[in-house]
Amino acid sequence: MAMARGSSGLAYPDRFYAAATYAGFGSSSNAVTSKFSNDVALLLYALYQQATVGPCNVPKPRGWSPVEQSKWTRFVYLSY
């Protein structure tokens, strides 16, 4: 079933940024963790980073927190 696209809807890239704002990116809040499970939040984070930053070229530093390591891991694996 095809969906009709309204002429008053947002066009890209505004649609992307509206979705990212809904997911909690680009704000100082932790909205991502409250709206989504941890796995989904990490995937959304990695996709957002891929779209806004590009491939992950940062080497894995030692001493990161488990949360930061999980973010880095997802971002790196989506970069391949």
PDB file of N, CA and C in Angstrom:
ATOM      1  N   MET A   1       0.842  -1.166   0.000  1.00  0.00           N
ATOM      2  CA  MET A   1       0.000   0.000   0.000  1.00  0.00           C
ATOM      3  C   MET A   1       0.890   1.233   0.000  1.00  0.00           C
ATOM      4  N   ALA A   2       0.702   2.094  -0.958  1.00  0.00           N
ATOM      5  CA  ALA A   2       1.517   3.301  -1.071  1.00  0.00           C
ATOM      6  C   ALA A   2       0.917   4.414  -0.227  1.00  0.00           C
ATOM      7  N   MET A   3       1.799   5.225   0.320  1.00  0.00           N
ATOM      8  CA  MET A   3       1.346   6.358   1.121  1.00  0.00           C
ATOM      9  C   MET A   3       1.425   7.622   0.283  1.00  0.00           C
ATOM     10  N   ALA A   4       0.405   8.434   0.364  1.00  0.00           N
ATOM     11  CA  ALA A   4       0.402   9.703  -0.353  1.00  0.00           C
ATOM     12  C   ALA A   4       1.240  10.713   0.408  1.00  0.00           C
ATOM     13  N   ARG A   5       1.990  11.488  -0.298  1.00  0.00           N
ATOM     14  CA  ARG A   5       2.825  12.510   0.332  1.00  0.00           C
ATOM     15  C   ARG A   5       2.120  13.850   0.215  1.00  0.00           C
ATOM     16  N   GLY A   6       1.870  14.451   1.344  1.00  0.00           N
ATOM     17  CA  GLY A   6       1.204  15.745   1.357  1.00  0.00           C
ATOM     18  C   GLY A   6       2.133  16.846   0.909  1.00  0.00           C
ATOM     19  N   SER A   7       1.604  17.821   0.232  1.00  0.00           N
ATOM     20  CA  SER A   7       2.438  18.909  -0.263  1.00  0.00           C
ATOM     21  C   SER A   7       2.862  19.854   0.859  1.00  0.00           C
ATOM     22  N   SER A   8       2.183  19.784   1.995  1.00  0.00           N
ATOM     23  CA  SER A   8       2.533  20.680   3.097  1.00  0.00           C
ATOM     24  C   SER A   8       3.541  20.046   4.053  1.00  0.00           C
ATOM     25  N   GLY A   9       3.963  18.794   3.789  1.00  0.00           N
ATOM     26  CA  GLY A   9       4.913  18.111   4.661  1.00  0.00           C
ATOM     27  C   GLY A   9       6.322  18.656   4.494  1.00  0.00           C
ATOM     28  N   LEU A  10       7.173  18.291   5.417  1.00  0.00           N
ATOM     29  CA  LEU A  10       8.561  18.723   5.371  1.00  0.00           C
ATOM     30  C   LEU A  10       9.321  17.981   4.286  1.00  0.00           C
ATOM     31  N   ALA A  11      10.231  18.663   3.663  1.00  0.00           N
ATOM     32  CA  ALA A  11      11.104  18.051   2.668  1.00  0.00           C
ATOM     33  C   ALA A  11      12.449  17.749   3.329  1.00  0.00           C
ATOM     34  N   TYR A  12      13.230  16.890   2.684  1.00  0.00           N
ATOM     35  CA  TYR A  12      14.575  16.615   3.176  1.00  0.00           C
ATOM     36  C   TYR A  12      15.413  17.864   2.991  1.00  0.00           C
ATOM     37  N   PRO A  13      16.259  18.295   3.868  1.00  0.00           N
ATOM     38  CA  PRO A  13      16.711  17.659   5.094  1.00  0.00           C
ATOM     39  C   PRO A  13      15.889  18.025   6.332  1.00  0.00           C
ATOM     40  N   ASP A  14      14.905  18.901   6.176  1.00  0.00           N
ATOM     41  CA  ASP A  14      14.101  19.292   7.342  1.00  0.00           C
ATOM     42  C   ASP A  14      13.398  18.100   7.976  1.00  0.00           C
ATOM     43  N   ARG A  15      12.971  17.160   7.160  1.00  0.00           N
ATOM     44  CA  ARG A  15      12.300  15.961   7.676  1.00  0.00           C
ATOM     45  C   ARG A  15      13.264  15.136   8.527  1.00  0.00           C
ATOM     46  N   PHE A  16      14.508  15.010   8.069  1.00  0.00           N
ATOM     47  CA  PHE A  16      15.524  14.282   8.822  1.00  0.00           C
ATOM     48  C   PHE A  16      15.757  14.938  10.183  1.00  0.00           C
ATOM     49  N   TYR A  17      15.912  16.246  10.200  1.00  0.00           N
ATOM     50  CA  TYR A  17      16.182  16.944  11.458  1.00  0.00           C
ATOM     51  C   TYR A  17      14.971  16.925  12.389  1.00  0.00           C
ATOM     52  N   ALA A  18      13.776  16.930  11.839  1.00  0.00           N
ATOM     53  CA  ALA A  18      12.575  16.809  12.676  1.00  0.00           C
ATOM     54  C   ALA A  18      12.526  15.431  13.332  1.00  0.00           C
ATOM     55  N   ALA A  19      12.859  14.399  12.588  1.00  0.00           N
ATOM     56  CA  ALA A  19      12.884  13.043  13.148  1.00  0.00           C
ATOM     57  C   ALA A  19      13.990  12.914  14.188  1.00  0.00           C
ATOM     58  N   ALA A  20      15.142  13.513  13.926  1.00  0.00           N
ATOM     59  CA  ALA A  20      16.254  13.461  14.882  1.00  0.00           C
ATOM     60  C   ALA A  20      15.889  14.193  16.168  1.00  0.00           C
ATOM     61  N   THR A  21      15.192  15.299  16.049  1.00  0.00           N
ATOM     62  CA  THR A  21      14.756  16.035  17.239  1.00  0.00           C
ATOM     63  C   THR A  21      13.762  15.214  18.034  1.00  0.00           C
ATOM     64  N   TYR A  22      12.841  14.550  17.349  1.00  0.00           N
ATOM     65  CA  TYR A  22      11.883  13.684  18.046  1.00  0.00           C
ATOM     66  C   TYR A  22      12.602  12.572  18.797  1.00  0.00           C
ATOM     67  N   ALA A  23      13.649  12.022  18.179  1.00  0.00           N
ATOM     68  CA  ALA A  23      14.397  10.938  18.807  1.00  0.00           C
ATOM     69  C   ALA A  23      15.280  11.430  19.945  1.00  0.00           C
ATOM     70  N   GLY A  24      15.478  12.745  20.036  1.00  0.00           N
ATOM     71  CA  GLY A  24      16.242  13.307  21.141  1.00  0.00           C
ATOM     72  C   GLY A  24      17.645  13.748  20.783  1.00  0.00           C
ATOM     73  N   PHE A  25      18.003  13.717  19.512  1.00  0.00           N
ATOM     74  CA  PHE A  25      19.328  14.158  19.102  1.00  0.00           C
ATOM     75  C   PHE A  25      19.303  15.653  18.858  1.00  0.00           C
ATOM     76  N   GLY A  26      20.427  16.281  19.076  1.00  0.00           N
ATOM     77  CA  GLY A  26      20.512  17.714  18.861  1.00  0.00           C
ATOM     78  C   GLY A  26      19.991  18.520  20.037  1.00  0.00           C
ATOM     79  N   SER A  27      19.621  17.865  21.105  1.00  0.00           N
ATOM     80  CA  SER A  27      19.158  18.566  22.299  1.00  0.00           C
ATOM     81  C   SER A  27      20.004  18.120  23.476  1.00  0.00           C
ATOM     82  N   SER A  28      19.891  18.829  24.571  1.00  0.00           N
ATOM     83  CA  SER A  28      20.699  18.495  25.741  1.00  0.00           C
ATOM     84  C   SER A  28      20.009  17.485  26.651  1.00  0.00           C
ATOM     85  N   SER A  29      18.832  17.014  26.268  1.00  0.00           N
ATOM     86  CA  SER A  29      18.104  16.071  27.113  1.00  0.00           C
ATOM     87  C   SER A  29      18.510  14.638  26.808  1.00  0.00           C
ATOM     88  N   ASN A  30      18.079  13.708  27.641  1.00  0.00           N
ATOM     89  CA  ASN A  30      18.313  12.279  27.415  1.00  0.00           C
ATOM     90  C   ASN A  30      17.036  11.635  26.901  1.00  0.00           C
ATOM     91  N   ALA A  31      16.367  12.271  25.977  1.00  0.00           N
ATOM     92  CA  ALA A  31      15.081  11.800  25.489  1.00  0.00           C
ATOM     93  C   ALA A  31      15.187  10.460  24.777  1.00  0.00           C
ATOM     94  N   VAL A  32      16.337  10.163  24.197  1.00  0.00           N
ATOM     95  CA  VAL A  32      16.479   8.919  23.447  1.00  0.00           C
ATOM     96  C   VAL A  32      16.287   7.722  24.365  1.00  0.00           C
ATOM     97  N   THR A  33      16.885   7.758  25.533  1.00  0.00           N
ATOM     98  CA  THR A  33      16.790   6.611  26.419  1.00  0.00           C
ATOM     99  C   THR A  33      15.398   6.470  27.007  1.00  0.00           C
ATOM    100  N   SER A  34      14.647   7.530  27.112  1.00  0.00           N
ATOM    101  CA  SER A  34      13.310   7.412  27.672  1.00  0.00           C
ATOM    102  C   SER A  34      12.279   6.975  26.633  1.00  0.00           C
ATOM    103  N   LYS A  35      12.516   7.237  25.351  1.00  0.00           N
ATOM    104  CA  LYS A  35      11.559   6.891  24.300  1.00  0.00           C
ATOM    105  C   LYS A  35      11.829   5.525  23.678  1.00  0.00           C
ATOM    106  N   PHE A  36      13.067   5.048  23.744  1.00  0.00           N
ATOM    107  CA  PHE A  36      13.451   3.835  23.046  1.00  0.00           C
ATOM    108  C   PHE A  36      14.226   2.905  23.963  1.00  0.00           C
ATOM    109  N   SER A  37      14.233   1.619  23.620  1.00  0.00           N
ATOM    110  CA  SER A  37      15.052   0.662  24.361  1.00  0.00           C
ATOM    111  C   SER A  37      16.526   0.981  24.092  1.00  0.00           C
ATOM    112  N   ASN A  38      17.403   0.444  24.905  1.00  0.00           N
ATOM    113  CA  ASN A  38      18.833   0.728  24.756  1.00  0.00           C
ATOM    114  C   ASN A  38      19.364   0.329  23.387  1.00  0.00           C
ATOM    115  N   ASP A  39      18.958  -0.844  22.894  1.00  0.00           N
ATOM    116  CA  ASP A  39      19.437  -1.295  21.583  1.00  0.00           C
ATOM    117  C   ASP A  39      18.986  -0.367  20.469  1.00  0.00           C
ATOM    118  N   VAL A  40      17.728   0.029  20.514  1.00  0.00           N
ATOM    119  CA  VAL A  40      17.193   0.918  19.481  1.00  0.00           C
ATOM    120  C   VAL A  40      17.845   2.293  19.587  1.00  0.00           C
ATOM    121  N   ALA A  41      18.038   2.782  20.802  1.00  0.00           N
ATOM    122  CA  ALA A  41      18.670   4.085  20.993  1.00  0.00           C
ATOM    123  C   ALA A  41      20.098   4.087  20.448  1.00  0.00           C
ATOM    124  N   LEU A  42      20.839   2.998  20.679  1.00  0.00           N
ATOM    125  CA  LEU A  42      22.198   2.917  20.145  1.00  0.00           C
ATOM    126  C   LEU A  42      22.210   2.877  18.627  1.00  0.00           C
ATOM    127  N   LEU A  43      21.276   2.148  18.052  1.00  0.00           N
ATOM    128  CA  LEU A  43      21.189   2.086  16.597  1.00  0.00           C
ATOM    129  C   LEU A  43      20.835   3.454  16.018  1.00  0.00           C
ATOM    130  N   LEU A  44      19.863   4.128  16.613  1.00  0.00           N
ATOM    131  CA  LEU A  44      19.488   5.466  16.148  1.00  0.00           C
ATOM    132  C   LEU A  44      20.645   6.446  16.288  1.00  0.00           C
ATOM    133  N   TYR A  45      21.372   6.343  17.400  1.00  0.00           N
ATOM    134  CA  TYR A  45      22.545   7.197  17.592  1.00  0.00           C
ATOM    135  C   TYR A  45      23.568   6.963  16.477  1.00  0.00           C
ATOM    136  N   ALA A  46      23.850   5.698  16.191  1.00  0.00           N
ATOM    137  CA  ALA A  46      24.835   5.372  15.158  1.00  0.00           C
ATOM    138  C   ALA A  46      24.381   5.858  13.785  1.00  0.00           C
ATOM    139  N   LEU A  47      23.108   5.690  13.469  1.00  0.00           N
ATOM    140  CA  LEU A  47      22.595   6.168  12.183  1.00  0.00           C
ATOM    141  C   LEU A  47      22.652   7.687  12.087  1.00  0.00           C
ATOM    142  N   TYR A  48      22.331   8.363  13.193  1.00  0.00           N
ATOM    143  CA  TYR A  48      22.408   9.826  13.222  1.00  0.00           C
ATOM    144  C   TYR A  48      23.849  10.290  13.006  1.00  0.00           C
ATOM    145  N   GLN A  49      24.795   9.649  13.694  1.00  0.00           N
ATOM    146  CA  GLN A  49      26.200  10.002  13.538  1.00  0.00           C
ATOM    147  C   GLN A  49      26.660   9.749  12.102  1.00  0.00           C
ATOM    148  N   GLN A  50      26.224   8.630  11.532  1.00  0.00           N
ATOM    149  CA  GLN A  50      26.598   8.303  10.164  1.00  0.00           C
ATOM    150  C   GLN A  50      26.087   9.363   9.192  1.00  0.00           C
ATOM    151  N   ALA A  51      24.862   9.839   9.422  1.00  0.00           N
ATOM    152  CA  ALA A  51      24.260  10.822   8.526  1.00  0.00           C
ATOM    153  C   ALA A  51      24.840  12.217   8.707  1.00  0.00           C
ATOM    154  N   THR A  52      25.222  12.568   9.923  1.00  0.00           N
ATOM    155  CA  THR A  52      25.680  13.931  10.171  1.00  0.00           C
ATOM    156  C   THR A  52      27.195  14.079  10.175  1.00  0.00           C
ATOM    157  N   VAL A  53      27.913  13.023  10.551  1.00  0.00           N
ATOM    158  CA  VAL A  53      29.368  13.094  10.655  1.00  0.00           C
ATOM    159  C   VAL A  53      30.045  12.340   9.524  1.00  0.00           C
ATOM    160  N   GLY A  54      29.487  11.200   9.153  1.00  0.00           N
ATOM    161  CA  GLY A  54      30.099  10.335   8.155  1.00  0.00           C
ATOM    162  C   GLY A  54      30.695   9.118   8.832  1.00  0.00           C
ATOM    163  N   PRO A  55      31.542   8.382   8.138  1.00  0.00           N
ATOM    164  CA  PRO A  55      32.136   7.184   8.719  1.00  0.00           C
ATOM    165  C   PRO A  55      32.960   7.506   9.963  1.00  0.00           C
ATOM    166  N   CYS A  56      32.990   6.577  10.876  1.00  0.00           N
ATOM    167  CA  CYS A  56      33.751   6.749  12.106  1.00  0.00           C
ATOM    168  C   CYS A  56      35.223   6.466  11.824  1.00  0.00           C
ATOM    169  N   ASN A  57      36.046   7.469  11.995  1.00  0.00           N
ATOM    170  CA  ASN A  57      37.488   7.333  11.793  1.00  0.00           C
ATOM    171  C   ASN A  57      38.253   7.518  13.100  1.00  0.00           C
ATOM    172  N   VAL A  58      37.540   7.521  14.210  1.00  0.00           N
ATOM    173  CA  VAL A  58      38.148   7.747  15.511  1.00  0.00           C
ATOM    174  C   VAL A  58      38.616   6.420  16.085  1.00  0.00           C
ATOM    175  N   PRO A  59      39.891   6.314  16.458  1.00  0.00           N
ATOM    176  CA  PRO A  59      40.345   5.066  17.075  1.00  0.00           C
ATOM    177  C   PRO A  59      39.715   4.894  18.452  1.00  0.00           C
ATOM    178  N   LYS A  60      39.559   3.654  18.844  1.00  0.00           N
ATOM    179  CA  LYS A  60      38.929   3.365  20.137  1.00  0.00           C
ATOM    180  C   LYS A  60      39.899   3.684  21.275  1.00  0.00           C
ATOM    181  N   PRO A  61      39.599   4.726  22.042  1.00  0.00           N
ATOM    182  CA  PRO A  61      40.469   5.034  23.177  1.00  0.00           C
ATOM    183  C   PRO A  61      40.163   4.137  24.366  1.00  0.00           C
ATOM    184  N   ARG A  62      41.101   3.990  25.238  1.00  0.00           N
ATOM    185  CA  ARG A  62      40.905   3.186  26.439  1.00  0.00           C
ATOM    186  C   ARG A  62      40.312   4.058  27.531  1.00  0.00           C
ATOM    187  N   GLY A  63      39.607   3.432  28.438  1.00  0.00           N
ATOM    188  CA  GLY A  63      39.096   4.146  29.601  1.00  0.00           C
ATOM    189  C   GLY A  63      37.741   4.788  29.430  1.00  0.00           C
ATOM    190  N   TRP A  64      37.054   4.521  28.326  1.00  0.00           N
ATOM    191  CA  TRP A  64      35.715   5.070  28.143  1.00  0.00           C
ATOM    192  C   TRP A  64      34.733   4.339  29.040  1.00  0.00           C
ATOM    193  N   SER A  65      33.646   4.996  29.301  1.00  0.00           N
ATOM    194  CA  SER A  65      32.559   4.357  30.042  1.00  0.00           C
ATOM    195  C   SER A  65      31.898   3.312  29.149  1.00  0.00           C
ATOM    196  N   PRO A  66      31.198   2.340  29.718  1.00  0.00           N
ATOM    197  CA  PRO A  66      30.511   1.327  28.901  1.00  0.00           C
ATOM    198  C   PRO A  66      29.508   1.931  27.916  1.00  0.00           C
ATOM    199  N   VAL A  67      28.857   3.000  28.299  1.00  0.00           N
ATOM    200  CA  VAL A  67      27.890   3.638  27.396  1.00  0.00           C
ATOM    201  C   VAL A  67      28.603   4.229  26.193  1.00  0.00           C
ATOM    202  N   GLU A  68      29.689   4.952  26.423  1.00  0.00           N
ATOM    203  CA  GLU A  68      30.442   5.539  25.317  1.00  0.00           C
ATOM    204  C   GLU A  68      31.068   4.466  24.429  1.00  0.00           C
ATOM    205  N   GLN A  69      31.516   3.359  25.026  1.00  0.00           N
ATOM    206  CA  GLN A  69      32.052   2.258  24.227  1.00  0.00           C
ATOM    207  C   GLN A  69      30.973   1.653  23.338  1.00  0.00           C
ATOM    208  N   SER A  70      29.762   1.513  23.852  1.00  0.00           N
ATOM    209  CA  SER A  70      28.656   0.961  23.057  1.00  0.00           C
ATOM    210  C   SER A  70      28.319   1.881  21.897  1.00  0.00           C
ATOM    211  N   LYS A  71      28.298   3.193  22.150  1.00  0.00           N
ATOM    212  CA  LYS A  71      28.020   4.161  21.079  1.00  0.00           C
ATOM    213  C   LYS A  71      29.092   4.059  19.995  1.00  0.00           C
ATOM    214  N   TRP A  72      30.346   4.034  20.411  1.00  0.00           N
ATOM    215  CA  TRP A  72      31.440   3.965  19.452  1.00  0.00           C
ATOM    216  C   TRP A  72      31.366   2.687  18.631  1.00  0.00           C
ATOM    217  N   THR A  73      31.099   1.559  19.306  1.00  0.00           N
ATOM    218  CA  THR A  73      31.028   0.273  18.619  1.00  0.00           C
ATOM    219  C   THR A  73      29.945   0.280  17.547  1.00  0.00           C
ATOM    220  N   ARG A  74      28.757   0.773  17.888  1.00  0.00           N
ATOM    221  CA  ARG A  74      27.670   0.814  16.893  1.00  0.00           C
ATOM    222  C   ARG A  74      28.038   1.717  15.724  1.00  0.00           C
ATOM    223  N   PHE A  75      28.628   2.862  16.017  1.00  0.00           N
ATOM    224  CA  PHE A  75      28.998   3.815  14.977  1.00  0.00           C
ATOM    225  C   PHE A  75      30.039   3.205  14.038  1.00  0.00           C
ATOM    226  N   VAL A  76      31.024   2.519  14.597  1.00  0.00           N
ATOM    227  CA  VAL A  76      32.070   1.905  13.786  1.00  0.00           C
ATOM    228  C   VAL A  76      31.501   0.814  12.897  1.00  0.00           C
ATOM    229  N   TYR A  77      30.647  -0.048  13.440  1.00  0.00           N
ATOM    230  CA  TYR A  77      30.124  -1.154  12.642  1.00  0.00           C
ATOM    231  C   TYR A  77      29.211  -0.676  11.522  1.00  0.00           C
ATOM    232  N   LEU A  78      28.549   0.448  11.699  1.00  0.00           N
ATOM    233  CA  LEU A  78      27.741   0.997  10.601  1.00  0.00           C
ATOM    234  C   LEU A  78      28.608   1.680   9.545  1.00  0.00           C
ATOM    235  N   SER A  79      29.840   1.989   9.883  1.00  0.00           N
ATOM    236  CA  SER A  79      30.728   2.659   8.947  1.00  0.00           C
ATOM    237  C   SER A  79      31.319   1.710   7.914  1.00  0.00           C
ATOM    238  N   TYR A  80      31.188   0.400   8.136  1.00  0.00           N
ATOM    239  CA  TYR A  80      31.764  -0.558   7.183  1.00  0.00           C
ATOM    240  C   TYR A  80      30.852  -0.814   6.050  1.00  0.00           C
TER     241      TYR A  80
END
